[in-house]
Amino acid sequence: YCDCAAADGYDLCGECGGDDESCSGCTDPDAFNYNDGCFDWENPDEDIDCIEDDGSCEYFPSTFDLLTPANDSTIVFWNENSYDDITITFSWEESTDQNIDDVINYNLVVINDENPDNPVIDMTDLFIDQEFTVPLSFIIDTPWEEDAISFTWEVTAIDNSDADAGEPLYTACNDIFVFYIEYSLDNDDEII
């Protein structure tokens, strides 16, 4: 029996003898789980706004930009030696997470636009750093003398939480970039 006539008989949720549980949860509207788990103690199937923050807020990784290869850039090679010597560094800004204990990993996907169903790079959850360098020969099998080949690349930041029904939260880069690889017969062309 609870004597709710006493001033301290009600919890913050208005429940007699309660422990603030029904109205405690994430109160930050920027969080993924804003207002999750709060309910009307008299009608448990009815959700209510959380009024007591219990420290459970989960956040998406922050947005970030791709850096290199720059959007619409062209990588030029002019002989087999340059083909073997050129490396491509994919780099991007750091994504952060308001949950200081969450670790951010990155997924990198590079697609040959002529064959979009088979990515040439599909690295999942492997990167803590914000760059990955590969030889040109990793992107294309052999040198060629035809038109430039178009590639699309993107990165996704993934935290190590299980906030979304046991799955981590993720944020895609702000823009998807395109770059080109081109063979040139003119060895005065610069490698860009």
C-alpha atoms as a PDB file:
ATOM      1  CA  TYR A   1       0.000   0.000   0.000  1.00  0.00           C
ATOM      2  CA  CYS A   2       1.285   3.460  -0.908  1.00  0.00           C
ATOM      3  CA  ASP A   3       0.339   6.547   1.029  1.00  0.00           C
ATOM      4  CA  CYS A   4       0.188   9.029  -1.816  1.00  0.00           C
ATOM      5  CA  ALA A   5      -1.221  11.726   0.396  1.00  0.00           C
ATOM      6  CA  ALA A   6       2.359  12.331   1.523  1.00  0.00           C
ATOM      7  CA  ALA A   7       4.234  14.826  -0.664  1.00  0.00           C
ATOM      8  CA  ASP A   8       6.811  12.269  -1.702  1.00  0.00           C
ATOM      9  CA  GLY A   9       4.374   9.445  -2.471  1.00  0.00           C
ATOM     10  CA  TYR A  10       4.300  10.166  -6.229  1.00  0.00           C
ATOM     11  CA  ASP A  11       7.221   9.758  -8.599  1.00  0.00           C
ATOM     12  CA  LEU A  12       8.076  12.194 -11.424  1.00  0.00           C
ATOM     13  CA  CYS A  13       5.641  10.331 -13.663  1.00  0.00           C
ATOM     14  CA  GLY A  14       2.731  10.910 -11.305  1.00  0.00           C
ATOM     15  CA  GLU A  15       2.634   7.241 -10.292  1.00  0.00           C
ATOM     16  CA  CYS A  16       1.936   6.503  -6.650  1.00  0.00           C
ATOM     17  CA  GLY A  17       4.949   4.685  -5.245  1.00  0.00           C
ATOM     18  CA  GLY A  18       6.571   4.565  -8.676  1.00  0.00           C
ATOM     19  CA  ASP A  19      10.283   4.699  -9.415  1.00  0.00           C
ATOM     20  CA  ASP A  20      10.217   7.156 -12.374  1.00  0.00           C
ATOM     21  CA  GLU A  21      10.589   4.198 -14.760  1.00  0.00           C
ATOM     22  CA  SER A  22       7.491   4.834 -16.881  1.00  0.00           C
ATOM     23  CA  CYS A  23       8.574   8.365 -17.848  1.00  0.00           C
ATOM     24  CA  SER A  24      12.353   7.831 -17.935  1.00  0.00           C
ATOM     25  CA  GLY A  25      14.151   7.487 -21.240  1.00  0.00           C
ATOM     26  CA  CYS A  26      15.965   9.546 -23.835  1.00  0.00           C
ATOM     27  CA  THR A  27      14.773  13.164 -23.831  1.00  0.00           C
ATOM     28  CA  ASP A  28      17.050  14.512 -26.611  1.00  0.00           C
ATOM     29  CA  PRO A  29      15.020  15.027 -29.816  1.00  0.00           C
ATOM     30  CA  ASP A  30      18.249  14.655 -31.869  1.00  0.00           C
ATOM     31  CA  ALA A  31      18.782  11.102 -30.629  1.00  0.00           C
ATOM     32  CA  PHE A  32      17.778   7.959 -32.523  1.00  0.00           C
ATOM     33  CA  ASN A  33      15.772   6.645 -29.567  1.00  0.00           C
ATOM     34  CA  TYR A  34      14.073   9.888 -28.488  1.00  0.00           C
ATOM     35  CA  ASN A  35      11.110   9.064 -26.200  1.00  0.00           C
ATOM     36  CA  ASP A  36      11.583   5.293 -26.608  1.00  0.00           C
ATOM     37  CA  GLY A  37      10.287   3.191 -23.762  1.00  0.00           C
ATOM     38  CA  CYS A  38       8.202   5.803 -21.944  1.00  0.00           C
ATOM     39  CA  PHE A  39       4.600   4.872 -21.284  1.00  0.00           C
ATOM     40  CA  ASP A  40       1.578   5.990 -19.357  1.00  0.00           C
ATOM     41  CA  TRP A  41       1.716   3.965 -16.129  1.00  0.00           C
ATOM     42  CA  GLU A  42      -2.100   3.879 -15.988  1.00  0.00           C
ATOM     43  CA  ASN A  43      -2.333   2.736 -19.638  1.00  0.00           C
ATOM     44  CA  PRO A  44       0.911   0.835 -20.349  1.00  0.00           C
ATOM     45  CA  ASP A  45       0.093   0.408 -24.061  1.00  0.00           C
ATOM     46  CA  GLU A  46       0.015   4.187 -24.512  1.00  0.00           C
ATOM     47  CA  ASP A  47       3.318   5.948 -25.255  1.00  0.00           C
ATOM     48  CA  ILE A  48       4.095   9.300 -23.631  1.00  0.00           C
ATOM     49  CA  ASP A  49       6.932  11.816 -23.873  1.00  0.00           C
ATOM     50  CA  CYS A  50       9.833  11.000 -21.583  1.00  0.00           C
ATOM     51  CA  ILE A  51      10.331  13.653 -18.912  1.00  0.00           C
ATOM     52  CA  GLU A  52      13.248  12.140 -17.002  1.00  0.00           C
ATOM     53  CA  ASP A  53      16.492  11.532 -18.945  1.00  0.00           C
ATOM     54  CA  ASP A  54      17.989   8.182 -18.013  1.00  0.00           C
ATOM     55  CA  GLY A  55      21.206   8.502 -20.061  1.00  0.00           C
ATOM     56  CA  SER A  56      20.095   5.969 -22.673  1.00  0.00           C
ATOM     57  CA  CYS A  57      20.240   8.266 -25.742  1.00  0.00           C
ATOM     58  CA  GLU A  58      21.811   6.702 -28.861  1.00  0.00           C
ATOM     59  CA  TYR A  59      23.107   8.873 -31.702  1.00  0.00           C
ATOM     60  CA  PHE A  60      23.858   8.359 -35.366  1.00  0.00           C
ATOM     61  CA  PRO A  61      27.458   8.938 -36.476  1.00  0.00           C
ATOM     62  CA  SER A  62      27.894  12.527 -37.682  1.00  0.00           C
ATOM     63  CA  THR A  63      27.744  13.450 -41.359  1.00  0.00           C
ATOM     64  CA  PHE A  64      31.036  13.707 -43.229  1.00  0.00           C
ATOM     65  CA  ASP A  65      32.459  14.501 -46.666  1.00  0.00           C
ATOM     66  CA  LEU A  66      34.544  12.508 -49.107  1.00  0.00           C
ATOM     67  CA  LEU A  67      37.950  14.029 -49.946  1.00  0.00           C
ATOM     68  CA  THR A  68      39.997  12.058 -52.515  1.00  0.00           C
ATOM     69  CA  PRO A  69      39.757  11.171 -55.297  1.00  0.00           C
ATOM     70  CA  ALA A  70      37.884  14.417 -55.735  1.00  0.00           C
ATOM     71  CA  ASN A  71      34.511  14.423 -57.439  1.00  0.00           C
ATOM     72  CA  ASP A  72      34.842  14.453 -61.253  1.00  0.00           C
ATOM     73  CA  SER A  73      38.644  14.022 -61.086  1.00  0.00           C
ATOM     74  CA  THR A  74      40.567  12.025 -63.695  1.00  0.00           C
ATOM     75  CA  ILE A  75      43.498   9.701 -63.089  1.00  0.00           C
ATOM     76  CA  VAL A  76      45.667   9.494 -66.212  1.00  0.00           C
ATOM     77  CA  PHE A  77      48.336   6.908 -67.025  1.00  0.00           C
ATOM     78  CA  TRP A  78      50.308   6.708 -70.252  1.00  0.00           C
ATOM     79  CA  ASN A  79      52.282   3.475 -70.231  1.00  0.00           C
ATOM     80  CA  GLU A  80      52.484   0.167 -68.462  1.00  0.00           C
ATOM     81  CA  ASN A  81      55.055   1.503 -65.983  1.00  0.00           C
ATOM     82  CA  SER A  82      52.796   4.337 -64.899  1.00  0.00           C
ATOM     83  CA  TYR A  83      49.927   1.852 -64.657  1.00  0.00           C
ATOM     84  CA  ASP A  84      51.974  -0.306 -62.281  1.00  0.00           C
ATOM     85  CA  ASP A  85      53.214   2.660 -60.201  1.00  0.00           C
ATOM     86  CA  ILE A  86      50.010   4.625 -59.664  1.00  0.00           C
ATOM     87  CA  THR A  87      48.119   4.237 -56.427  1.00  0.00           C
ATOM     88  CA  ILE A  88      44.719   5.651 -55.575  1.00  0.00           C
ATOM     89  CA  THR A  89      44.015   6.886 -52.065  1.00  0.00           C
ATOM     90  CA  PHE A  90      40.406   7.053 -51.020  1.00  0.00           C
ATOM     91  CA  SER A  91      40.071   9.482 -48.119  1.00  0.00           C
ATOM     92  CA  TRP A  92      37.221  11.092 -46.210  1.00  0.00           C
ATOM     93  CA  GLU A  93      36.539  13.249 -43.180  1.00  0.00           C
ATOM     94  CA  GLU A  94      36.161  11.687 -39.763  1.00  0.00           C
ATOM     95  CA  SER A  95      32.667  10.921 -38.513  1.00  0.00           C
ATOM     96  CA  THR A  96      32.103  11.227 -34.773  1.00  0.00           C
ATOM     97  CA  ASP A  97      29.483   9.888 -32.404  1.00  0.00           C
ATOM     98  CA  GLN A  98      27.984  11.669 -29.400  1.00  0.00           C
ATOM     99  CA  ASN A  99      28.099   8.329 -27.585  1.00  0.00           C
ATOM    100  CA  ILE A 100      31.743   8.588 -26.549  1.00  0.00           C
ATOM    101  CA  ASP A 101      32.079   4.832 -26.051  1.00  0.00           C
ATOM    102  CA  ASP A 102      30.926   4.033 -29.590  1.00  0.00           C
ATOM    103  CA  VAL A 103      33.659   3.201 -32.093  1.00  0.00           C
ATOM    104  CA  ILE A 104      33.134   4.305 -35.697  1.00  0.00           C
ATOM    105  CA  ASN A 105      34.092   1.971 -38.546  1.00  0.00           C
ATOM    106  CA  TYR A 106      33.748   2.726 -42.236  1.00  0.00           C
ATOM    107  CA  ASN A 107      32.483   0.823 -45.252  1.00  0.00           C
ATOM    108  CA  LEU A 108      34.038   1.747 -48.613  1.00  0.00           C
ATOM    109  CA  VAL A 109      32.345   0.802 -51.888  1.00  0.00           C
ATOM    110  CA  VAL A 110      33.812   1.545 -55.339  1.00  0.00           C
ATOM    111  CA  ILE A 111      31.787   0.666 -58.431  1.00  0.00           C
ATOM    112  CA  ASN A 112      32.757   0.552 -62.087  1.00  0.00           C
ATOM    113  CA  ASP A 113      29.786   2.398 -63.578  1.00  0.00           C
ATOM    114  CA  GLU A 114      29.774   0.006 -66.558  1.00  0.00           C
ATOM    115  CA  ASN A 115      29.188  -2.926 -64.187  1.00  0.00           C
ATOM    116  CA  PRO A 116      27.389  -1.540 -61.099  1.00  0.00           C
ATOM    117  CA  ASP A 117      26.249  -4.922 -59.779  1.00  0.00           C
ATOM    118  CA  ASN A 118      29.817  -6.052 -59.028  1.00  0.00           C
ATOM    119  CA  PRO A 119      31.732  -3.531 -56.896  1.00  0.00           C
ATOM    120  CA  VAL A 120      35.483  -3.441 -57.530  1.00  0.00           C
ATOM    121  CA  ILE A 121      35.965  -2.602 -53.833  1.00  0.00           C
ATOM    122  CA  ASP A 122      33.489  -3.509 -51.127  1.00  0.00           C
ATOM    123  CA  MET A 123      35.235  -3.205 -47.778  1.00  0.00           C
ATOM    124  CA  THR A 124      32.861  -3.604 -44.848  1.00  0.00           C
ATOM    125  CA  ASP A 125      33.590  -2.596 -41.228  1.00  0.00           C
ATOM    126  CA  LEU A 126      37.335  -2.703 -41.752  1.00  0.00           C
ATOM    127  CA  PHE A 127      38.397   0.894 -41.405  1.00  0.00           C
ATOM    128  CA  ILE A 128      38.938   2.881 -38.278  1.00  0.00           C
ATOM    129  CA  ASP A 129      41.116   5.330 -40.220  1.00  0.00           C
ATOM    130  CA  GLN A 130      39.731   7.621 -42.877  1.00  0.00           C
ATOM    131  CA  GLU A 131      41.711   6.387 -45.883  1.00  0.00           C
ATOM    132  CA  PHE A 132      42.462   3.352 -48.000  1.00  0.00           C
ATOM    133  CA  THR A 133      45.167   3.159 -50.678  1.00  0.00           C
ATOM    134  CA  VAL A 134      45.191   0.643 -53.525  1.00  0.00           C
ATOM    135  CA  PRO A 135      47.267   0.258 -56.694  1.00  0.00           C
ATOM    136  CA  LEU A 136      45.527   1.230 -59.922  1.00  0.00           C
ATOM    137  CA  SER A 137      45.796  -2.426 -60.965  1.00  0.00           C
ATOM    138  CA  PHE A 138      43.428  -3.266 -58.096  1.00  0.00           C
ATOM    139  CA  ILE A 139      40.730  -1.124 -59.731  1.00  0.00           C
ATOM    140  CA  ILE A 140      41.281  -2.184 -63.358  1.00  0.00           C
ATOM    141  CA  ASP A 141      42.771  -5.485 -64.482  1.00  0.00           C
ATOM    142  CA  THR A 142      44.804  -4.349 -67.498  1.00  0.00           C
ATOM    143  CA  PRO A 143      45.721  -1.073 -69.195  1.00  0.00           C
ATOM    144  CA  TRP A 144      43.529  -0.123 -72.140  1.00  0.00           C
ATOM    145  CA  GLU A 145      43.482   2.558 -74.810  1.00  0.00           C
ATOM    146  CA  GLU A 146      39.782   3.254 -75.105  1.00  0.00           C
ATOM    147  CA  ASP A 147      37.677   5.982 -73.487  1.00  0.00           C
ATOM    148  CA  ALA A 148      37.918   6.910 -69.839  1.00  0.00           C
ATOM    149  CA  ILE A 149      36.209   4.572 -67.403  1.00  0.00           C
ATOM    150  CA  SER A 150      33.845   6.068 -64.834  1.00  0.00           C
ATOM    151  CA  PHE A 151      33.799   4.923 -61.205  1.00  0.00           C
ATOM    152  CA  THR A 152      31.515   5.858 -58.332  1.00  0.00           C
ATOM    153  CA  TRP A 153      32.600   5.679 -54.710  1.00  0.00           C
ATOM    154  CA  GLU A 154      30.970   6.178 -51.341  1.00  0.00           C
ATOM    155  CA  VAL A 155      31.632   5.588 -47.651  1.00  0.00           C
ATOM    156  CA  THR A 156      29.292   4.776 -44.776  1.00  0.00           C
ATOM    157  CA  ALA A 157      30.134   5.393 -41.105  1.00  0.00           C
ATOM    158  CA  ILE A 158      28.852   2.693 -38.732  1.00  0.00           C
ATOM    159  CA  ASP A 159      28.920   2.778 -34.944  1.00  0.00           C
ATOM    160  CA  ASN A 160      29.272  -0.301 -32.779  1.00  0.00           C
ATOM    161  CA  SER A 161      26.002   0.122 -30.898  1.00  0.00           C
ATOM    162  CA  ASP A 162      23.050  -2.222 -31.150  1.00  0.00           C
ATOM    163  CA  ALA A 163      20.555   0.621 -30.863  1.00  0.00           C
ATOM    164  CA  ASP A 164      18.382  -0.284 -33.845  1.00  0.00           C
ATOM    165  CA  ALA A 165      16.797  -3.591 -32.790  1.00  0.00           C
ATOM    166  CA  GLY A 166      20.238  -5.108 -32.279  1.00  0.00           C
ATOM    167  CA  GLU A 167      21.781  -3.428 -35.332  1.00  0.00           C
ATOM    168  CA  PRO A 168      24.292  -0.553 -35.361  1.00  0.00           C
ATOM    169  CA  LEU A 169      23.465   3.001 -36.424  1.00  0.00           C
ATOM    170  CA  TYR A 170      24.983   4.280 -39.660  1.00  0.00           C
ATOM    171  CA  THR A 171      25.362   7.477 -41.667  1.00  0.00           C
ATOM    172  CA  ALA A 172      26.242   7.698 -45.365  1.00  0.00           C
ATOM    173  CA  CYS A 173      28.659  10.320 -46.649  1.00  0.00           C
ATOM    174  CA  ASN A 174      27.114  13.624 -47.731  1.00  0.00           C
ATOM    175  CA  ASP A 175      27.728  13.040 -51.460  1.00  0.00           C
ATOM    176  CA  ILE A 176      28.649  10.136 -53.713  1.00  0.00           C
ATOM    177  CA  PHE A 177      31.726  10.943 -55.833  1.00  0.00           C
ATOM    178  CA  VAL A 178      32.623   9.995 -59.391  1.00  0.00           C
ATOM    179  CA  PHE A 179      36.158   9.715 -60.771  1.00  0.00           C
ATOM    180  CA  TYR A 180      37.600   8.599 -64.090  1.00  0.00           C
ATOM    181  CA  ILE A 181      40.591   6.530 -65.120  1.00  0.00           C
ATOM    182  CA  GLU A 182      41.989   7.354 -68.522  1.00  0.00           C
ATOM    183  CA  TYR A 183      44.819   6.094 -70.709  1.00  0.00           C
ATOM    184  CA  SER A 184      46.677   8.785 -72.649  1.00  0.00           C
ATOM    185  CA  LEU A 185      49.104   8.382 -75.540  1.00  0.00           C
ATOM    186  CA  ASP A 186      50.651  11.738 -74.615  1.00  0.00           C
ATOM    187  CA  ASN A 187      53.220  11.180 -71.881  1.00  0.00           C
ATOM    188  CA  ASP A 188      53.224  14.929 -71.155  1.00  0.00           C
ATOM    189  CA  ASP A 189      49.785  14.567 -69.554  1.00  0.00           C
ATOM    190  CA  GLU A 190      49.874  14.947 -65.800  1.00  0.00           C
ATOM    191  CA  ILE A 191      48.702  12.282 -63.426  1.00  0.00           C
ATOM    192  CA  ILE A 192      45.895  13.962 -61.543  1.00  0.00           C
END
